[in-house]
Amino acid sequence: MKEFKYVITDAMGLHARPAGQLVKAAAGYSCEVQLTANGTTVDAKRIMGVMRLAAKQGQEITITCTGADEDAAAAALESFVKENL
């Protein structure tokens, strides 16, 4: 299991465009990818779950990758959130 935390810096938070891009990036890996914010955990490969979190600027999110390619997934997703959120 690989896990990392990130505090959202984007003024608009985790809105539709980056949420969709995050889901697409997570779907490219076979491991399970979970996103946690505000005490709620969702499947990061499902857009409705990610949007339901409504994570805002300044909030901390946690991404957890569990499975065969968890190292690659965690590294790629961490890079993604730093560049886009």
PDB file of N, CA and C in Angstrom:
ATOM      1  N   MET A   1       0.840  -1.178   0.000  1.00  0.00           N
ATOM      2  CA  MET A   1       0.000   0.000   0.000  1.00  0.00           C
ATOM      3  C   MET A   1       0.885   1.242   0.000  1.00  0.00           C
ATOM      4  N   LYS A   2       0.605   2.138  -0.913  1.00  0.00           N
ATOM      5  CA  LYS A   2       1.295   3.423  -0.985  1.00  0.00           C
ATOM      6  C   LYS A   2       0.265   4.517  -0.743  1.00  0.00           C
ATOM      7  N   GLU A   3       0.660   5.494   0.045  1.00  0.00           N
ATOM      8  CA  GLU A   3      -0.262   6.566   0.399  1.00  0.00           C
ATOM      9  C   GLU A   3       0.483   7.886   0.449  1.00  0.00           C
ATOM     10  N   PHE A   4      -0.188   8.952   0.013  1.00  0.00           N
ATOM     11  CA  PHE A   4       0.380  10.284   0.155  1.00  0.00           C
ATOM     12  C   PHE A   4      -0.740  11.285   0.399  1.00  0.00           C
ATOM     13  N   LYS A   5      -0.363  12.381   1.004  1.00  0.00           N
ATOM     14  CA  LYS A   5      -1.308  13.456   1.314  1.00  0.00           C
ATOM     15  C   LYS A   5      -0.920  14.695   0.518  1.00  0.00           C
ATOM     16  N   TYR A   6      -1.924  15.516   0.202  1.00  0.00           N
ATOM     17  CA  TYR A   6      -1.678  16.746  -0.529  1.00  0.00           C
ATOM     18  C   TYR A   6      -2.718  17.773  -0.112  1.00  0.00           C
ATOM     19  N   VAL A   7      -2.288  19.011   0.079  1.00  0.00           N
ATOM     20  CA  VAL A   7      -3.205  20.109   0.392  1.00  0.00           C
ATOM     21  C   VAL A   7      -3.498  20.852  -0.906  1.00  0.00           C
ATOM     22  N   ILE A   8      -4.765  20.951  -1.251  1.00  0.00           N
ATOM     23  CA  ILE A   8      -5.180  21.578  -2.504  1.00  0.00           C
ATOM     24  C   ILE A   8      -4.844  23.062  -2.489  1.00  0.00           C
ATOM     25  N   THR A   9      -4.141  23.514  -3.522  1.00  0.00           N
ATOM     26  CA  THR A   9      -3.761  24.929  -3.623  1.00  0.00           C
ATOM     27  C   THR A   9      -4.560  25.665  -4.692  1.00  0.00           C
ATOM     28  N   ASP A  10      -5.204  24.947  -5.602  1.00  0.00           N
ATOM     29  CA  ASP A  10      -6.003  25.567  -6.660  1.00  0.00           C
ATOM     30  C   ASP A  10      -7.168  26.323  -6.033  1.00  0.00           C
ATOM     31  N   ALA A  11      -7.361  27.568  -6.448  1.00  0.00           N
ATOM     32  CA  ALA A  11      -8.415  28.409  -5.883  1.00  0.00           C
ATOM     33  C   ALA A  11      -9.811  27.821  -6.091  1.00  0.00           C
ATOM     34  N   MET A  12      -9.986  27.032  -7.137  1.00  0.00           N
ATOM     35  CA  MET A  12     -11.297  26.443  -7.423  1.00  0.00           C
ATOM     36  C   MET A  12     -11.462  25.065  -6.785  1.00  0.00           C
ATOM     37  N   GLY A  13     -10.432  24.566  -6.141  1.00  0.00           N
ATOM     38  CA  GLY A  13     -10.514  23.252  -5.497  1.00  0.00           C
ATOM     39  C   GLY A  13     -10.517  22.133  -6.517  1.00  0.00           C
ATOM     40  N   LEU A  14     -11.072  21.012  -6.123  1.00  0.00           N
ATOM     41  CA  LEU A  14     -11.134  19.835  -6.999  1.00  0.00           C
ATOM     42  C   LEU A  14     -12.420  19.927  -7.813  1.00  0.00           C
ATOM     43  N   HIS A  15     -12.400  20.766  -8.846  1.00  0.00           N
ATOM     44  CA  HIS A  15     -13.587  20.978  -9.677  1.00  0.00           C
ATOM     45  C   HIS A  15     -13.608  19.989 -10.840  1.00  0.00           C
ATOM     46  N   ALA A  16     -14.570  20.123 -11.720  1.00  0.00           N
ATOM     47  CA  ALA A  16     -14.865  19.122 -12.752  1.00  0.00           C
ATOM     48  C   ALA A  16     -13.680  18.736 -13.639  1.00  0.00           C
ATOM     49  N   ARG A  17     -12.985  19.703 -14.202  1.00  0.00           N
ATOM     50  CA  ARG A  17     -11.909  19.358 -15.143  1.00  0.00           C
ATOM     51  C   ARG A  17     -10.785  18.559 -14.487  1.00  0.00           C
ATOM     52  N   PRO A  18     -10.181  19.038 -13.386  1.00  0.00           N
ATOM     53  CA  PRO A  18      -9.123  18.229 -12.782  1.00  0.00           C
ATOM     54  C   PRO A  18      -9.646  16.922 -12.179  1.00  0.00           C
ATOM     55  N   ALA A  19     -10.897  16.906 -11.745  1.00  0.00           N
ATOM     56  CA  ALA A  19     -11.466  15.666 -11.215  1.00  0.00           C
ATOM     57  C   ALA A  19     -11.532  14.614 -12.321  1.00  0.00           C
ATOM     58  N   GLY A  20     -11.976  15.024 -13.497  1.00  0.00           N
ATOM     59  CA  GLY A  20     -12.043  14.117 -14.633  1.00  0.00           C
ATOM     60  C   GLY A  20     -10.670  13.626 -15.049  1.00  0.00           C
ATOM     61  N   GLN A  21      -9.714  14.526 -15.033  1.00  0.00           N
ATOM     62  CA  GLN A  21      -8.342  14.150 -15.390  1.00  0.00           C
ATOM     63  C   GLN A  21      -7.749  13.191 -14.357  1.00  0.00           C
ATOM     64  N   LEU A  22      -8.052  13.425 -13.089  1.00  0.00           N
ATOM     65  CA  LEU A  22      -7.577  12.546 -12.020  1.00  0.00           C
ATOM     66  C   LEU A  22      -8.161  11.145 -12.176  1.00  0.00           C
ATOM     67  N   VAL A  23      -9.452  11.066 -12.452  1.00  0.00           N
ATOM     68  CA  VAL A  23     -10.116   9.778 -12.652  1.00  0.00           C
ATOM     69  C   VAL A  23      -9.490   9.044 -13.841  1.00  0.00           C
ATOM     70  N   LYS A  24      -9.248   9.764 -14.919  1.00  0.00           N
ATOM     71  CA  LYS A  24      -8.644   9.156 -16.108  1.00  0.00           C
ATOM     72  C   LYS A  24      -7.239   8.631 -15.797  1.00  0.00           C
ATOM     73  N   ALA A  25      -6.466   9.420 -15.049  1.00  0.00           N
ATOM     74  CA  ALA A  25      -5.115   8.997 -14.678  1.00  0.00           C
ATOM     75  C   ALA A  25      -5.161   7.761 -13.779  1.00  0.00           C
ATOM     76  N   ALA A  26      -6.056   7.749 -12.803  1.00  0.00           N
ATOM     77  CA  ALA A  26      -6.175   6.618 -11.881  1.00  0.00           C
ATOM     78  C   ALA A  26      -6.634   5.357 -12.611  1.00  0.00           C
ATOM     79  N   ALA A  27      -7.509   5.525 -13.595  1.00  0.00           N
ATOM     80  CA  ALA A  27      -8.048   4.378 -14.337  1.00  0.00           C
ATOM     81  C   ALA A  27      -6.975   3.680 -15.169  1.00  0.00           C
ATOM     82  N   GLY A  28      -5.862   4.344 -15.398  1.00  0.00           N
ATOM     83  CA  GLY A  28      -4.789   3.754 -16.173  1.00  0.00           C
ATOM     84  C   GLY A  28      -3.966   2.722 -15.412  1.00  0.00           C
ATOM     85  N   TYR A  29      -4.300   2.484 -14.162  1.00  0.00           N
ATOM     86  CA  TYR A  29      -3.557   1.534 -13.332  1.00  0.00           C
ATOM     87  C   TYR A  29      -4.491   0.436 -12.850  1.00  0.00           C
ATOM     88  N   SER A  30      -3.953  -0.754 -12.687  1.00  0.00           N
ATOM     89  CA  SER A  30      -4.778  -1.885 -12.276  1.00  0.00           C
ATOM     90  C   SER A  30      -5.013  -1.925 -10.769  1.00  0.00           C
ATOM     91  N   CYS A  31      -4.196  -1.227 -10.008  1.00  0.00           N
ATOM     92  CA  CYS A  31      -4.354  -1.246  -8.553  1.00  0.00           C
ATOM     93  C   CYS A  31      -5.607  -0.474  -8.131  1.00  0.00           C
ATOM     94  N   GLU A  32      -6.023  -0.703  -6.906  1.00  0.00           N
ATOM     95  CA  GLU A  32      -7.140   0.036  -6.331  1.00  0.00           C
ATOM     96  C   GLU A  32      -6.624   1.412  -5.921  1.00  0.00           C
ATOM     97  N   VAL A  33      -7.368   2.463  -6.276  1.00  0.00           N
ATOM     98  CA  VAL A  33      -6.967   3.825  -5.933  1.00  0.00           C
ATOM     99  C   VAL A  33      -8.125   4.476  -5.178  1.00  0.00           C
ATOM    100  N   GLN A  34      -7.849   4.901  -3.952  1.00  0.00           N
ATOM    101  CA  GLN A  34      -8.879   5.545  -3.139  1.00  0.00           C
ATOM    102  C   GLN A  34      -8.469   6.978  -2.839  1.00  0.00           C
ATOM    103  N   LEU A  35      -9.461   7.845  -2.794  1.00  0.00           N
ATOM    104  CA  LEU A  35      -9.257   9.260  -2.500  1.00  0.00           C
ATOM    105  C   LEU A  35     -10.077   9.594  -1.264  1.00  0.00           C
ATOM    106  N   THR A  36      -9.417  10.198  -0.285  1.00  0.00           N
ATOM    107  CA  THR A  36     -10.099  10.567   0.957  1.00  0.00           C
ATOM    108  C   THR A  36     -10.013  12.068   1.171  1.00  0.00           C
ATOM    109  N   ALA A  37     -11.149  12.665   1.505  1.00  0.00           N
ATOM    110  CA  ALA A  37     -11.222  14.089   1.848  1.00  0.00           C
ATOM    111  C   ALA A  37     -12.408  14.278   2.778  1.00  0.00           C
ATOM    112  N   ASN A  38     -12.263  15.151   3.734  1.00  0.00           N
ATOM    113  CA  ASN A  38     -13.345  15.461   4.673  1.00  0.00           C
ATOM    114  C   ASN A  38     -13.890  14.215   5.372  1.00  0.00           C
ATOM    115  N   GLY A  39     -13.035  13.228   5.615  1.00  0.00           N
ATOM    116  CA  GLY A  39     -13.461  12.027   6.313  1.00  0.00           C
ATOM    117  C   GLY A  39     -14.223  11.030   5.453  1.00  0.00           C
ATOM    118  N   THR A  40     -14.317  11.297   4.148  1.00  0.00           N
ATOM    119  CA  THR A  40     -15.027  10.412   3.233  1.00  0.00           C
ATOM    120  C   THR A  40     -14.035   9.816   2.248  1.00  0.00           C
ATOM    121  N   THR A  41     -14.137   8.504   2.015  1.00  0.00           N
ATOM    122  CA  THR A  41     -13.254   7.817   1.074  1.00  0.00           C
ATOM    123  C   THR A  41     -14.076   7.316  -0.102  1.00  0.00           C
ATOM    124  N   VAL A  42     -13.548   7.580  -1.314  1.00  0.00           N
ATOM    125  CA  VAL A  42     -14.234   7.153  -2.533  1.00  0.00           C
ATOM    126  C   VAL A  42     -13.240   6.466  -3.471  1.00  0.00           C
ATOM    127  N   ASP A  43     -13.774   5.766  -4.455  1.00  0.00           N
ATOM    128  CA  ASP A  43     -12.973   5.142  -5.504  1.00  0.00           C
ATOM    129  C   ASP A  43     -12.527   6.252  -6.454  1.00  0.00           C
ATOM    130  N   ALA A  44     -11.234   6.464  -6.578  1.00  0.00           N
ATOM    131  CA  ALA A  44     -10.706   7.543  -7.409  1.00  0.00           C
ATOM    132  C   ALA A  44     -10.863   7.271  -8.901  1.00  0.00           C
ATOM    133  N   LYS A  45     -11.392   6.119  -9.254  1.00  0.00           N
ATOM    134  CA  LYS A  45     -11.617   5.790 -10.662  1.00  0.00           C
ATOM    135  C   LYS A  45     -13.058   6.074 -11.079  1.00  0.00           C
ATOM    136  N   ARG A  46     -13.844   6.669 -10.185  1.00  0.00           N
ATOM    137  CA  ARG A  46     -15.255   6.963 -10.452  1.00  0.00           C
ATOM    138  C   ARG A  46     -15.502   8.465 -10.267  1.00  0.00           C
ATOM    139  N   ILE A  47     -15.875   9.119 -11.347  1.00  0.00           N
ATOM    140  CA  ILE A  47     -16.014  10.579 -11.350  1.00  0.00           C
ATOM    141  C   ILE A  47     -17.052  11.072 -10.349  1.00  0.00           C
ATOM    142  N   MET A  48     -18.162  10.388 -10.212  1.00  0.00           N
ATOM    143  CA  MET A  48     -19.209  10.871  -9.301  1.00  0.00           C
ATOM    144  C   MET A  48     -18.728  10.859  -7.851  1.00  0.00           C
ATOM    145  N   GLY A  49     -17.967   9.859  -7.483  1.00  0.00           N
ATOM    146  CA  GLY A  49     -17.434   9.803  -6.126  1.00  0.00           C
ATOM    147  C   GLY A  49     -16.448  10.929  -5.870  1.00  0.00           C
ATOM    148  N   VAL A  50     -15.562  11.163  -6.836  1.00  0.00           N
ATOM    149  CA  VAL A  50     -14.562  12.219  -6.691  1.00  0.00           C
ATOM    150  C   VAL A  50     -15.247  13.581  -6.607  1.00  0.00           C
ATOM    151  N   MET A  51     -16.239  13.820  -7.449  1.00  0.00           N
ATOM    152  CA  MET A  51     -16.954  15.103  -7.423  1.00  0.00           C
ATOM    153  C   MET A  51     -17.736  15.282  -6.125  1.00  0.00           C
ATOM    154  N   ARG A  52     -18.265  14.180  -5.585  1.00  0.00           N
ATOM    155  CA  ARG A  52     -19.050  14.247  -4.349  1.00  0.00           C
ATOM    156  C   ARG A  52     -18.224  14.755  -3.171  1.00  0.00           C
ATOM    157  N   LEU A  53     -16.917  14.559  -3.213  1.00  0.00           N
ATOM    158  CA  LEU A  53     -16.059  15.007  -2.118  1.00  0.00           C
ATOM    159  C   LEU A  53     -16.065  16.528  -1.978  1.00  0.00           C
ATOM    160  N   ALA A  54     -16.239  17.233  -3.092  1.00  0.00           N
ATOM    161  CA  ALA A  54     -16.271  18.703  -3.101  1.00  0.00           C
ATOM    162  C   ALA A  54     -15.097  19.298  -2.320  1.00  0.00           C
ATOM    163  N   ALA A  55     -13.901  18.792  -2.572  1.00  0.00           N
ATOM    164  CA  ALA A  55     -12.709  19.261  -1.862  1.00  0.00           C
ATOM    165  C   ALA A  55     -12.365  20.676  -2.312  1.00  0.00           C
ATOM    166  N   LYS A  56     -12.143  21.540  -1.373  1.00  0.00           N
ATOM    167  CA  LYS A  56     -11.876  22.961  -1.616  1.00  0.00           C
ATOM    168  C   LYS A  56     -10.406  23.303  -1.398  1.00  0.00           C
ATOM    169  N   GLN A  57     -10.049  24.500  -1.807  1.00  0.00           N
ATOM    170  CA  GLN A  57      -8.688  24.999  -1.587  1.00  0.00           C
ATOM    171  C   GLN A  57      -8.371  24.976  -0.098  1.00  0.00           C
ATOM    172  N   GLY A  58      -7.167  24.502   0.241  1.00  0.00           N
ATOM    173  CA  GLY A  58      -6.727  24.442   1.626  1.00  0.00           C
ATOM    174  C   GLY A  58      -7.051  23.132   2.329  1.00  0.00           C
ATOM    175  N   GLN A  59      -7.877  22.293   1.717  1.00  0.00           N
ATOM    176  CA  GLN A  59      -8.221  21.008   2.324  1.00  0.00           C
ATOM    177  C   GLN A  59      -7.187  19.955   1.943  1.00  0.00           C
ATOM    178  N   GLU A  60      -6.954  19.039   2.865  1.00  0.00           N
ATOM    179  CA  GLU A  60      -6.010  17.956   2.622  1.00  0.00           C
ATOM    180  C   GLU A  60      -6.742  16.749   2.053  1.00  0.00           C
ATOM    181  N   ILE A  61      -6.156  16.172   1.009  1.00  0.00           N
ATOM    182  CA  ILE A  61      -6.668  14.927   0.452  1.00  0.00           C
ATOM    183  C   ILE A  61      -5.611  13.848   0.653  1.00  0.00           C
ATOM    184  N   THR A  62      -6.064  12.610   0.701  1.00  0.00           N
ATOM    185  CA  THR A  62      -5.162  11.472   0.814  1.00  0.00           C
ATOM    186  C   THR A  62      -5.480  10.517  -0.325  1.00  0.00           C
ATOM    187  N   ILE A  63      -4.456  10.103  -1.042  1.00  0.00           N
ATOM    188  CA  ILE A  63      -4.619   9.121  -2.106  1.00  0.00           C
ATOM    189  C   ILE A  63      -3.878   7.856  -1.683  1.00  0.00           C
ATOM    190  N   THR A  64      -4.600   6.744  -1.739  1.00  0.00           N
ATOM    191  CA  THR A  64      -4.054   5.455  -1.346  1.00  0.00           C
ATOM    192  C   THR A  64      -4.131   4.497  -2.533  1.00  0.00           C
ATOM    193  N   CYS A  65      -3.008   3.886  -2.863  1.00  0.00           N
ATOM    194  CA  CYS A  65      -2.929   2.926  -3.966  1.00  0.00           C
ATOM    195  C   CYS A  65      -2.565   1.560  -3.388  1.00  0.00           C
ATOM    196  N   THR A  66      -3.359   0.544  -3.745  1.00  0.00           N
ATOM    197  CA  THR A  66      -3.135  -0.798  -3.234  1.00  0.00           C
ATOM    198  C   THR A  66      -3.232  -1.797  -4.386  1.00  0.00           C
ATOM    199  N   GLY A  67      -2.148  -2.529  -4.629  1.00  0.00           N
ATOM    200  CA  GLY A  67      -2.201  -3.542  -5.677  1.00  0.00           C
ATOM    201  C   GLY A  67      -0.897  -3.666  -6.424  1.00  0.00           C
ATOM    202  N   ALA A  68      -0.976  -4.340  -7.557  1.00  0.00           N
ATOM    203  CA  ALA A  68       0.205  -4.733  -8.331  1.00  0.00           C
ATOM    204  C   ALA A  68       1.094  -3.566  -8.749  1.00  0.00           C
ATOM    205  N   ASP A  69       0.518  -2.510  -9.278  1.00  0.00           N
ATOM    206  CA  ASP A  69       1.324  -1.394  -9.775  1.00  0.00           C
ATOM    207  C   ASP A  69       1.188  -0.149  -8.901  1.00  0.00           C
ATOM    208  N   GLU A  70       1.058  -0.363  -7.593  1.00  0.00           N
ATOM    209  CA  GLU A  70       0.829   0.738  -6.660  1.00  0.00           C
ATOM    210  C   GLU A  70       1.951   1.767  -6.643  1.00  0.00           C
ATOM    211  N   ASP A  71       3.192   1.336  -6.799  1.00  0.00           N
ATOM    212  CA  ASP A  71       4.313   2.286  -6.788  1.00  0.00           C
ATOM    213  C   ASP A  71       4.221   3.268  -7.945  1.00  0.00           C
ATOM    214  N   ALA A  72       4.001   2.740  -9.135  1.00  0.00           N
ATOM    215  CA  ALA A  72       3.899   3.591 -10.321  1.00  0.00           C
ATOM    216  C   ALA A  72       2.675   4.492 -10.241  1.00  0.00           C
ATOM    217  N   ALA A  73       1.559   3.947  -9.786  1.00  0.00           N
ATOM    218  CA  ALA A  73       0.329   4.728  -9.673  1.00  0.00           C
ATOM    219  C   ALA A  73       0.494   5.871  -8.682  1.00  0.00           C
ATOM    220  N   ALA A  74       1.039   5.582  -7.514  1.00  0.00           N
ATOM    221  CA  ALA A  74       1.231   6.616  -6.491  1.00  0.00           C
ATOM    222  C   ALA A  74       2.150   7.720  -6.991  1.00  0.00           C
ATOM    223  N   ALA A  75       3.239   7.353  -7.645  1.00  0.00           N
ATOM    224  CA  ALA A  75       4.178   8.352  -8.161  1.00  0.00           C
ATOM    225  C   ALA A  75       3.516   9.230  -9.213  1.00  0.00           C
ATOM    226  N   ALA A  76       2.786   8.620 -10.132  1.00  0.00           N
ATOM    227  CA  ALA A  76       2.137   9.381 -11.203  1.00  0.00           C
ATOM    228  C   ALA A  76       1.035  10.277 -10.653  1.00  0.00           C
ATOM    229  N   LEU A  77       0.241   9.771  -9.735  1.00  0.00           N
ATOM    230  CA  LEU A  77      -0.867  10.567  -9.188  1.00  0.00           C
ATOM    231  C   LEU A  77      -0.361  11.691  -8.289  1.00  0.00           C
ATOM    232  N   GLU A  78       0.720  11.440  -7.578  1.00  0.00           N
ATOM    233  CA  GLU A  78       1.291  12.510  -6.755  1.00  0.00           C
ATOM    234  C   GLU A  78       1.794  13.635  -7.648  1.00  0.00           C
ATOM    235  N   SER A  79       2.437  13.283  -8.723  1.00  0.00           N
ATOM    236  CA  SER A  79       2.905  14.276  -9.682  1.00  0.00           C
ATOM    237  C   SER A  79       1.723  15.029 -10.282  1.00  0.00           C
ATOM    238  N   PHE A  80       0.655  14.304 -10.616  1.00  0.00           N
ATOM    239  CA  PHE A  80      -0.547  14.918 -11.189  1.00  0.00           C
ATOM    240  C   PHE A  80      -1.152  15.957 -10.248  1.00  0.00           C
ATOM    241  N   VAL A  81      -1.368  15.598  -8.978  1.00  0.00           N
ATOM    242  CA  VAL A  81      -2.019  16.540  -8.066  1.00  0.00           C
ATOM    243  C   VAL A  81      -1.142  17.765  -7.814  1.00  0.00           C
ATOM    244  N   LYS A  82       0.166  17.588  -7.772  1.00  0.00           N
ATOM    245  CA  LYS A  82       1.056  18.732  -7.560  1.00  0.00           C
ATOM    246  C   LYS A  82       0.998  19.708  -8.732  1.00  0.00           C
ATOM    247  N   GLU A  83       0.811  19.183  -9.934  1.00  0.00           N
ATOM    248  CA  GLU A  83       0.761  20.023 -11.121  1.00  0.00           C
ATOM    249  C   GLU A  83      -0.613  20.633 -11.372  1.00  0.00           C
ATOM    250  N   ASN A  84      -1.677  19.943 -10.936  1.00  0.00           N
ATOM    251  CA  ASN A  84      -3.024  20.345 -11.314  1.00  0.00           C
ATOM    252  C   ASN A  84      -3.940  20.805 -10.181  1.00  0.00           C
ATOM    253  N   LEU A  85      -3.559  20.555  -8.950  1.00  0.00           N
ATOM    254  CA  LEU A  85      -4.422  20.933  -7.842  1.00  0.00           C
ATOM    255  C   LEU A  85      -3.706  21.887  -6.903  1.00  0.00           C
TER     256      LEU A  85
END
